[in-house]
Amino acid sequence: MRIDADDPKLTVVCKICRRQLSRYTCPTCNLPYCSLTCFRSPAHSGCSESFYKKELENGIKTQTSRNAEERLKMMAILKRFEEGSLENEAQLFASDDEDDDDLAARFKGIDVENTDAETLWSRLSEEEKSKFMQAINNPSSELTKRLLSESEFLSISYPKPWWEAPDVNDDADEGVGDVKGYGQQPGPLQLPVSMVKASPTGPPLIYNLCAICIAYAFTTRHLAASPLNTANNQDVKSLISRLVPFLVDRKATTLYTNISGVITSMWSHFSPDEISNNIMSALLHDASILMRPRPVSIIQSPAGGYLDISSHPYRNVALVLSDLHRVYGGTWRANHVSHKLLFYMSQIFSTPAAVLESLATDLEARAVAAKGQGESTSVSRLTWVDATRSENAGATPKTVTKLIEEI
């Protein structure tokens, strides 16, 4: 069942993978989940209903012979019985704990998918048979509509973000990230070697880049699109411009100087039904992965005057900027955004690895602190930010600041 847009559960991370933002809730156990992969995972096998829902949908739509139709109906409902599901209005048979125990005993040792319809039917009580047929014979009922709606969802599978693929942070040949179940890595942007200086010039932009990575991670998860250039451009631009307006505003002068400022500002750009401590924790964790230099890399020599991003330790954050560059690079009106992204990329490649490593560590510490605050969105963001500011006011933030000052 897809979660309603006004449902506060939209702010909950998937309870199965604990990575994606939840987009659906299980009609049986009310567990928030993000994708078909998680719905079918072993941890949630007790509520997996893909087989019988599909069969039920086909049976209702095709209206085949009575015997075939009854078999499909039987297999559907008995699958639910076998897995101990059904509750509230989604329940076809209202039963108490004693009835459930009796039902489990009647179907003990029965392989629902491979048993003939007559045998399955004989295991049901008269009351169960009657309620079952009443529900099936009314295609316009809320139950039938829900089953069909959920069946449509079950035919869709969303990829996990490309930066979570197992080999993203390992050495690999070109094409890394094209792993089953994960989004494909964005193609790297060509950055002229002449734009990369020995040290960054002007004020440091690494905290602005943190904000961009947080916005990028949220947009990727919210739109279930990885990379973003595979999604609707207008949807992507709408979210990015709202979350990091300094990136698209030609006259913007926003310059973040610490992570606390980034968190406070970013929180204010989310709508109340989009953000919670757990969501922010997940996004900070994403930003940490994207900002952290790869530990082992073989840097290829520049070819044709361009930096080889695919083999560089800063590949992940560079691919974020590359992906956004493709989103904004399609029209002349967005040229100033494309130029900004290119400038940000040149700045990041001029930043010492120690600075990015320290920053990524700080982001991960903030992610852990945010997760400890729980799922509630009623907790004041300032309370949480103050807590993380106090907790992390020691070595890690100072290290980042000192490293920046030494550049």
Protein backbone atom coordinates (compact mmCIF):
# COMPACT_ATOMS: atom_id res chain seq x y z
CA MET A 1 0.00 0.00 0.00
CA ARG A 2 1.49 3.33 -1.03
CA ILE A 3 1.84 5.79 1.81
CA ASP A 4 -0.45 8.82 1.57
CA ALA A 5 1.31 12.11 0.91
CA ASP A 6 0.10 13.51 4.25
CA ASP A 7 1.17 10.47 6.25
CA PRO A 8 3.98 11.23 8.75
CA LYS A 9 5.45 7.82 7.87
CA LEU A 10 6.90 9.48 4.79
CA THR A 11 9.69 10.64 7.07
CA VAL A 12 10.62 7.11 8.09
CA VAL A 13 13.59 5.22 6.69
CA CYS A 14 12.84 1.77 5.28
CA LYS A 15 12.75 -0.61 8.26
CA ILE A 16 14.23 -3.47 6.23
CA CYS A 17 17.29 -2.05 4.44
CA ARG A 18 17.49 1.09 6.65
CA ARG A 19 18.92 3.00 3.68
CA GLN A 20 16.16 4.26 1.39
CA LEU A 21 13.32 6.56 2.43
CA SER A 22 10.18 4.50 2.89
CA ARG A 23 7.58 4.97 0.13
CA TYR A 24 5.15 2.22 1.09
CA THR A 25 3.80 0.45 4.13
CA CYS A 26 3.01 -3.24 4.41
CA PRO A 27 -0.80 -3.70 4.59
CA THR A 28 -0.31 -6.65 6.93
CA CYS A 29 2.22 -5.52 9.53
CA ASN A 30 2.36 -1.76 8.75
CA LEU A 31 6.13 -1.93 8.33
CA PRO A 32 7.48 0.99 6.22
CA TYR A 33 9.52 -0.21 3.25
CA CYS A 34 11.02 1.30 0.10
CA SER A 35 11.06 -1.26 -2.68
CA LEU A 36 10.07 -4.68 -3.97
CA THR A 37 13.48 -6.02 -3.02
CA CYS A 38 12.93 -5.12 0.63
CA PHE A 39 9.31 -6.31 0.58
CA ARG A 40 10.47 -9.76 -0.57
CA SER A 41 13.52 -9.92 1.69
CA PRO A 42 13.92 -12.91 4.07
CA ALA A 43 13.41 -10.56 7.01
CA HIS A 44 9.91 -9.81 5.73
CA SER A 45 9.05 -13.17 4.19
CA GLY A 46 6.04 -13.63 6.46
CA CYS A 47 4.15 -10.91 4.60
CA SER A 48 5.34 -11.56 1.05
CA GLU A 49 2.24 -11.63 -1.10
CA SER A 50 3.54 -11.09 -4.61
CA PHE A 51 2.57 -14.53 -5.92
CA TYR A 52 -1.04 -14.70 -4.87
CA LYS A 53 -1.79 -11.05 -5.56
CA LYS A 54 -0.64 -11.42 -9.13
CA GLU A 55 -2.66 -14.58 -9.52
CA LEU A 56 -5.73 -12.94 -8.02
CA GLU A 57 -5.42 -9.96 -10.34
CA ASN A 58 -5.14 -12.17 -13.40
CA GLY A 59 -8.09 -14.28 -12.29
CA ILE A 60 -10.35 -11.28 -11.78
CA LYS A 61 -9.37 -9.63 -15.07
CA THR A 62 -9.51 -12.67 -17.33
CA GLN A 63 -12.60 -14.31 -15.80
CA THR A 64 -11.50 -17.79 -16.76
CA SER A 65 -13.42 -20.99 -16.05
CA ARG A 66 -14.96 -21.48 -12.61
CA ASN A 67 -12.50 -24.19 -11.54
CA ALA A 68 -9.44 -22.24 -12.66
CA GLU A 69 -10.76 -19.06 -11.11
CA GLU A 70 -11.53 -20.72 -7.81
CA ARG A 71 -8.08 -22.26 -7.75
CA LEU A 72 -6.47 -18.84 -8.16
CA LYS A 73 -8.68 -17.40 -5.46
CA MET A 74 -7.94 -20.25 -3.14
CA MET A 75 -4.19 -20.02 -3.67
CA ALA A 76 -4.34 -16.30 -3.02
CA ILE A 77 -6.20 -16.41 0.26
CA LEU A 78 -4.48 -19.53 1.53
CA LYS A 79 -1.13 -17.92 0.91
CA ARG A 80 -2.24 -15.23 3.32
CA PHE A 81 -3.31 -17.84 5.86
CA GLU A 82 -0.06 -19.74 5.50
CA GLU A 83 1.97 -16.65 6.30
CA GLY A 84 -0.20 -15.54 9.21
CA SER A 85 -1.14 -12.19 7.69
CA LEU A 86 -4.46 -10.33 7.32
CA GLU A 87 -5.47 -7.62 9.76
CA ASN A 88 -8.01 -4.80 10.14
CA GLU A 89 -9.93 -3.99 6.94
CA ALA A 90 -7.45 -5.97 4.85
CA GLN A 91 -8.57 -9.11 6.64
CA LEU A 92 -10.77 -11.44 4.67
CA PHE A 93 -11.59 -13.50 7.71
CA ALA A 94 -11.98 -11.86 11.09
CA SER A 95 -10.49 -14.28 13.57
CA ASP A 96 -9.12 -14.21 17.07
CA ASP A 97 -5.94 -15.87 18.32
CA GLU A 98 -7.70 -19.17 18.89
CA ASP A 99 -8.99 -19.23 15.31
CA ASP A 100 -5.51 -18.44 14.03
CA ASP A 101 -4.06 -21.36 15.94
CA ASP A 102 -6.80 -23.61 14.54
CA LEU A 103 -6.12 -22.40 11.01
CA ALA A 104 -2.38 -22.96 11.39
CA ALA A 105 -3.06 -26.48 12.59
CA ARG A 106 -5.35 -27.22 9.62
CA PHE A 107 -2.75 -26.07 7.11
CA LYS A 108 0.31 -27.42 8.85
CA GLY A 109 2.54 -29.21 6.37
CA ILE A 110 0.54 -27.98 3.35
CA ASP A 111 2.47 -26.51 0.40
CA VAL A 112 -0.11 -23.95 -0.73
CA GLU A 113 1.48 -23.30 -4.12
CA ASN A 114 1.65 -26.96 -5.13
CA THR A 115 -1.54 -28.39 -3.60
CA ASP A 116 -4.69 -28.85 -5.70
CA ALA A 117 -7.63 -26.48 -5.15
CA GLU A 118 -9.98 -29.19 -3.86
CA THR A 119 -7.64 -30.13 -1.03
CA LEU A 120 -7.09 -26.50 -0.09
CA TRP A 121 -10.80 -25.76 -0.19
CA SER A 122 -11.57 -28.71 2.05
CA ARG A 123 -9.33 -27.28 4.78
CA LEU A 124 -11.47 -24.15 5.13
CA SER A 125 -14.45 -23.85 7.46
CA GLU A 126 -17.88 -23.02 6.04
CA GLU A 127 -17.68 -19.51 7.44
CA GLU A 128 -14.27 -18.96 5.87
CA LYS A 129 -15.49 -20.25 2.51
CA SER A 130 -18.47 -17.91 2.61
CA LYS A 131 -16.46 -14.81 3.53
CA PHE A 132 -13.82 -15.64 0.97
CA MET A 133 -16.31 -15.95 -1.91
CA GLN A 134 -18.12 -12.76 -0.87
CA ALA A 135 -14.89 -10.79 -1.05
CA ILE A 136 -13.79 -12.31 -4.36
CA ASN A 137 -17.17 -11.85 -6.05
CA ASN A 138 -17.15 -8.11 -5.41
CA PRO A 139 -14.45 -6.60 -7.69
CA SER A 140 -15.39 -3.07 -6.60
CA SER A 141 -14.73 -3.73 -2.92
CA GLU A 142 -12.03 -1.81 -1.11
CA LEU A 143 -10.11 -5.03 -0.53
CA THR A 144 -10.01 -5.91 -4.23
CA LYS A 145 -8.98 -2.39 -5.18
CA ARG A 146 -6.20 -2.47 -2.63
CA LEU A 147 -4.92 -5.83 -3.80
CA LEU A 148 -4.86 -4.66 -7.41
CA SER A 149 -3.14 -1.42 -6.47
CA GLU A 150 -0.47 -3.25 -4.51
CA SER A 151 -0.01 -5.70 -7.36
CA GLU A 152 0.87 -2.78 -9.64
CA PHE A 153 3.51 -1.68 -7.15
CA LEU A 154 4.95 -5.18 -6.91
CA SER A 155 5.80 -5.08 -10.61
CA ILE A 156 8.16 -2.13 -10.03
CA SER A 157 11.65 -2.34 -8.58
CA TYR A 158 13.67 0.75 -7.69
CA PRO A 159 17.47 0.72 -7.81
CA LYS A 160 19.51 1.56 -4.74
CA PRO A 161 21.74 4.66 -4.97
CA TRP A 162 24.83 4.11 -7.08
CA TRP A 163 27.21 5.09 -4.28
CA GLU A 164 26.01 2.13 -2.18
CA ALA A 165 27.08 -0.45 -4.78
CA PRO A 166 29.61 -2.89 -3.25
CA ASP A 167 32.49 -1.88 -5.52
CA VAL A 168 32.00 1.89 -5.59
CA ASN A 169 34.91 2.41 -3.20
CA ASP A 170 37.12 -0.30 -4.68
CA ASP A 171 39.37 -0.21 -7.70
CA ALA A 172 37.51 -1.37 -10.78
CA ASP A 173 37.47 -1.04 -14.49
CA GLU A 174 35.38 1.45 -16.39
CA GLY A 175 31.69 0.82 -15.92
CA VAL A 176 31.91 0.30 -12.16
CA GLY A 177 28.59 0.85 -10.46
CA ASP A 178 26.59 -1.04 -13.06
CA VAL A 179 25.71 -3.64 -10.42
CA LYS A 180 22.39 -5.46 -10.34
CA GLY A 181 20.03 -3.77 -7.90
CA TYR A 182 21.98 -0.51 -7.86
CA GLY A 183 21.82 2.59 -10.01
CA GLN A 184 24.51 3.05 -12.63
CA GLN A 185 27.24 5.52 -11.82
CA PRO A 186 26.91 8.88 -13.61
CA GLY A 187 29.36 9.45 -16.41
CA PRO A 188 32.27 11.63 -15.23
CA LEU A 189 32.43 15.20 -16.43
CA GLN A 190 35.50 16.30 -18.36
CA LEU A 191 37.49 18.70 -16.17
CA PRO A 192 40.41 20.56 -17.79
CA VAL A 193 43.63 19.96 -15.87
CA SER A 194 44.34 23.68 -16.14
CA MET A 195 41.43 24.37 -13.73
CA VAL A 196 42.99 22.33 -10.92
CA LYS A 197 45.35 24.37 -8.75
CA ALA A 198 47.88 23.16 -6.20
CA SER A 199 45.66 24.64 -3.50
CA PRO A 200 42.14 26.11 -3.66
CA THR A 201 41.84 29.82 -4.27
CA GLY A 202 39.30 32.00 -2.50
CA PRO A 203 37.11 30.93 0.45
CA PRO A 204 36.76 27.16 1.05
CA LEU A 205 33.60 25.68 -0.46
CA ILE A 206 33.70 22.23 1.13
CA TYR A 207 30.75 22.96 3.44
CA ASN A 208 28.69 24.18 0.49
CA LEU A 209 29.60 20.89 -1.17
CA CYS A 210 28.31 19.07 1.93
CA ALA A 211 24.96 20.78 1.44
CA ILE A 212 24.95 19.84 -2.25
CA CYS A 213 25.67 16.20 -1.39
CA ILE A 214 22.85 16.14 1.17
CA ALA A 215 20.43 17.63 -1.36
CA TYR A 216 21.65 15.19 -4.02
CA ALA A 217 21.17 12.18 -1.72
CA PHE A 218 17.67 13.27 -0.72
CA THR A 219 16.62 13.92 -4.32
CA THR A 220 17.99 10.54 -5.41
CA ARG A 221 16.07 8.70 -2.70
CA HIS A 222 12.92 10.81 -2.91
CA LEU A 223 12.58 10.34 -6.67
CA ALA A 224 13.94 6.76 -6.57
CA ALA A 225 16.20 7.71 -9.48
CA SER A 226 19.88 6.79 -9.66
CA PRO A 227 21.56 8.58 -11.34
CA LEU A 228 19.45 11.76 -11.35
CA ASN A 229 19.83 12.33 -15.08
CA THR A 230 17.45 9.37 -15.53
CA ALA A 231 14.64 11.21 -13.72
CA ASN A 232 12.37 14.00 -14.89
CA ASN A 233 14.56 17.10 -15.12
CA GLN A 234 11.92 19.43 -13.75
CA ASP A 235 11.34 17.26 -10.69
CA VAL A 236 15.07 17.16 -9.99
CA LYS A 237 15.53 20.90 -10.49
CA SER A 238 12.55 21.69 -8.28
CA LEU A 239 14.01 19.78 -5.34
CA ILE A 240 17.60 20.93 -5.83
CA SER A 241 16.64 24.60 -6.17
CA ARG A 242 14.59 24.39 -2.96
CA LEU A 243 17.20 22.56 -0.90
CA VAL A 244 20.34 24.39 -2.10
CA PRO A 245 19.10 27.66 -3.61
CA PHE A 246 22.62 29.08 -3.62
CA LEU A 247 23.49 26.67 -6.42
CA VAL A 248 20.86 27.96 -8.85
CA ASP A 249 20.67 31.61 -7.78
CA ARG A 250 23.02 33.57 -10.01
CA LYS A 251 23.58 36.25 -7.35
CA ALA A 252 23.81 33.97 -4.30
CA THR A 253 26.60 34.65 -1.81
CA THR A 254 25.89 31.82 0.65
CA LEU A 255 29.05 30.43 2.21
CA TYR A 256 28.79 27.82 4.96
CA THR A 257 31.64 27.75 7.46
CA ASN A 258 30.79 24.64 9.50
CA ILE A 259 28.62 21.53 9.43
CA SER A 260 26.24 22.82 12.11
CA GLY A 261 25.40 25.73 9.84
CA VAL A 262 24.81 23.34 6.95
CA ILE A 263 22.46 21.16 9.01
CA THR A 264 20.47 24.09 10.41
CA SER A 265 20.08 25.69 6.99
CA MET A 266 19.24 22.45 5.19
CA TRP A 267 16.62 21.53 7.79
CA SER A 268 14.81 24.81 7.17
CA HIS A 269 14.54 24.03 3.46
CA PHE A 270 12.75 20.71 4.00
CA SER A 271 9.01 20.65 4.51
CA PRO A 272 7.91 19.22 7.90
CA ASP A 273 6.66 15.99 6.32
CA GLU A 274 10.00 15.36 4.58
CA ILE A 275 12.51 15.46 7.41
CA SER A 276 13.15 13.84 10.77
CA ASN A 277 16.21 13.03 12.82
CA ASN A 278 16.47 9.59 11.25
CA ILE A 279 16.10 10.99 7.74
CA MET A 280 18.78 13.59 8.41
CA SER A 281 20.96 10.85 9.84
CA ALA A 282 20.63 8.83 6.63
CA LEU A 283 21.41 11.88 4.49
CA LEU A 284 24.47 12.80 6.55
CA HIS A 285 25.68 9.22 6.19
CA ASP A 286 25.21 9.49 2.42
CA ALA A 287 27.12 12.78 2.36
CA SER A 288 29.92 11.16 4.34
CA ILE A 289 30.26 8.40 1.74
CA LEU A 290 30.17 10.87 -1.14
CA MET A 291 32.70 13.27 0.39
CA ARG A 292 35.19 10.70 1.69
CA PRO A 293 38.22 10.10 -0.59
CA ARG A 294 38.60 6.54 -1.83
CA PRO A 295 41.31 4.87 0.26
CA VAL A 296 43.14 3.18 -2.62
CA SER A 297 43.24 4.56 -6.13
CA ILE A 298 45.44 4.31 -9.19
CA ILE A 299 45.38 7.74 -10.77
CA GLN A 300 45.81 7.66 -14.51
CA SER A 301 47.84 10.31 -16.28
CA PRO A 302 45.72 13.11 -17.79
CA ALA A 303 44.79 12.47 -21.39
CA GLY A 304 43.93 15.21 -23.84
CA GLY A 305 44.29 17.88 -21.17
CA TYR A 306 41.47 16.49 -18.99
CA LEU A 307 41.61 14.99 -15.51
CA ASP A 308 40.77 11.27 -15.27
CA ILE A 309 37.96 11.46 -12.71
CA SER A 310 37.05 7.77 -12.87
CA SER A 311 40.35 6.75 -11.25
CA HIS A 312 40.66 9.65 -8.81
CA PRO A 313 40.23 9.31 -5.01
CA TYR A 314 37.62 12.10 -5.18
CA ARG A 315 35.55 10.24 -7.75
CA ASN A 316 32.34 9.99 -5.70
CA VAL A 317 31.87 13.69 -5.03
CA ALA A 318 32.99 14.46 -8.59
CA LEU A 319 30.29 12.13 -9.94
CA VAL A 320 27.68 13.98 -7.87
CA LEU A 321 28.67 17.23 -9.58
CA SER A 322 28.87 15.46 -12.96
CA ASP A 323 25.34 14.10 -12.57
CA LEU A 324 23.95 17.51 -11.63
CA HIS A 325 25.88 19.12 -14.49
CA ARG A 326 24.03 16.88 -16.94
CA VAL A 327 20.70 17.77 -15.34
CA TYR A 328 21.35 21.50 -15.64
CA GLY A 329 23.43 21.51 -18.79
CA GLY A 330 20.58 20.99 -21.25
CA THR A 331 19.52 24.60 -21.83
CA TRP A 332 21.26 27.93 -22.16
CA ARG A 333 19.32 29.34 -19.20
CA ALA A 334 21.08 26.92 -16.87
CA ASN A 335 24.59 27.75 -18.04
CA HIS A 336 25.42 29.68 -14.88
CA VAL A 337 24.54 26.58 -12.82
CA SER A 338 26.73 24.40 -15.03
CA HIS A 339 29.59 26.86 -14.62
CA LYS A 340 29.14 26.84 -10.84
CA LEU A 341 29.25 23.04 -10.78
CA LEU A 342 32.42 23.04 -12.86
CA PHE A 343 33.99 25.58 -10.50
CA TYR A 344 33.01 23.50 -7.46
CA MET A 345 34.65 20.50 -9.07
CA SER A 346 37.89 22.37 -9.67
CA GLN A 347 37.85 23.49 -6.03
CA ILE A 348 37.33 19.99 -4.67
CA PHE A 349 40.23 18.62 -6.70
CA SER A 350 42.42 21.39 -5.26
CA THR A 351 41.52 20.42 -1.67
CA PRO A 352 43.92 18.18 0.31
CA ALA A 353 42.65 14.67 0.98
CA ALA A 354 43.18 15.13 4.74
CA VAL A 355 40.56 17.89 4.78
CA LEU A 356 37.94 15.78 3.00
CA GLU A 357 38.74 12.73 5.15
CA SER A 358 38.30 14.73 8.34
CA LEU A 359 35.10 16.29 7.06
CA ALA A 360 33.65 12.90 6.10
CA THR A 361 34.44 11.58 9.57
CA ASP A 362 32.65 14.54 11.14
CA LEU A 363 29.62 13.99 8.90
CA GLU A 364 29.44 10.35 9.97
CA ALA A 365 29.66 11.37 13.65
CA ARG A 366 26.76 13.77 13.12
CA ALA A 367 24.79 11.01 11.41
CA VAL A 368 25.21 8.75 14.45
CA ALA A 369 24.21 11.58 16.81
CA ALA A 370 21.11 12.37 14.75
CA LYS A 371 20.03 8.73 14.67
CA GLY A 372 20.27 8.62 18.44
CA GLN A 373 17.61 11.33 18.63
CA GLY A 374 14.96 8.94 17.23
CA GLU A 375 12.38 9.13 14.47
CA SER A 376 10.17 11.92 15.77
CA THR A 377 9.93 15.12 13.74
CA SER A 378 8.67 17.00 16.80
CA VAL A 379 12.17 17.20 18.27
CA SER A 380 13.50 20.71 17.75
CA ARG A 381 16.17 20.78 15.09
CA LEU A 382 18.04 23.36 17.17
CA THR A 383 18.09 20.99 20.15
CA TRP A 384 19.57 18.30 17.95
CA VAL A 385 22.02 20.63 16.24
CA ASP A 386 23.13 22.04 19.59
CA ALA A 387 23.64 18.50 20.87
CA THR A 388 25.80 17.55 17.94
CA ARG A 389 27.62 20.84 18.14
CA SER A 390 28.50 20.15 21.77
CA GLU A 391 29.38 16.53 21.15
CA ASN A 392 31.58 17.31 18.20
CA ALA A 393 33.07 20.57 19.41
CA GLY A 394 36.33 18.81 20.10
CA ALA A 395 39.04 17.47 17.87
CA THR A 396 37.20 16.62 14.68
CA PRO A 397 35.68 20.04 13.78
CA LYS A 398 38.82 21.83 14.96
CA THR A 399 40.91 19.56 12.81
CA VAL A 400 38.90 20.48 9.74
CA THR A 401 39.15 24.17 10.54
CA LYS A 402 42.89 24.01 11.16
CA LEU A 403 43.47 22.06 7.99
CA ILE A 404 41.53 24.64 6.00
CA GLU A 405 43.48 27.48 7.62
CA GLU A 406 46.74 25.79 6.68
CA ILE A 407 45.83 25.63 2.98
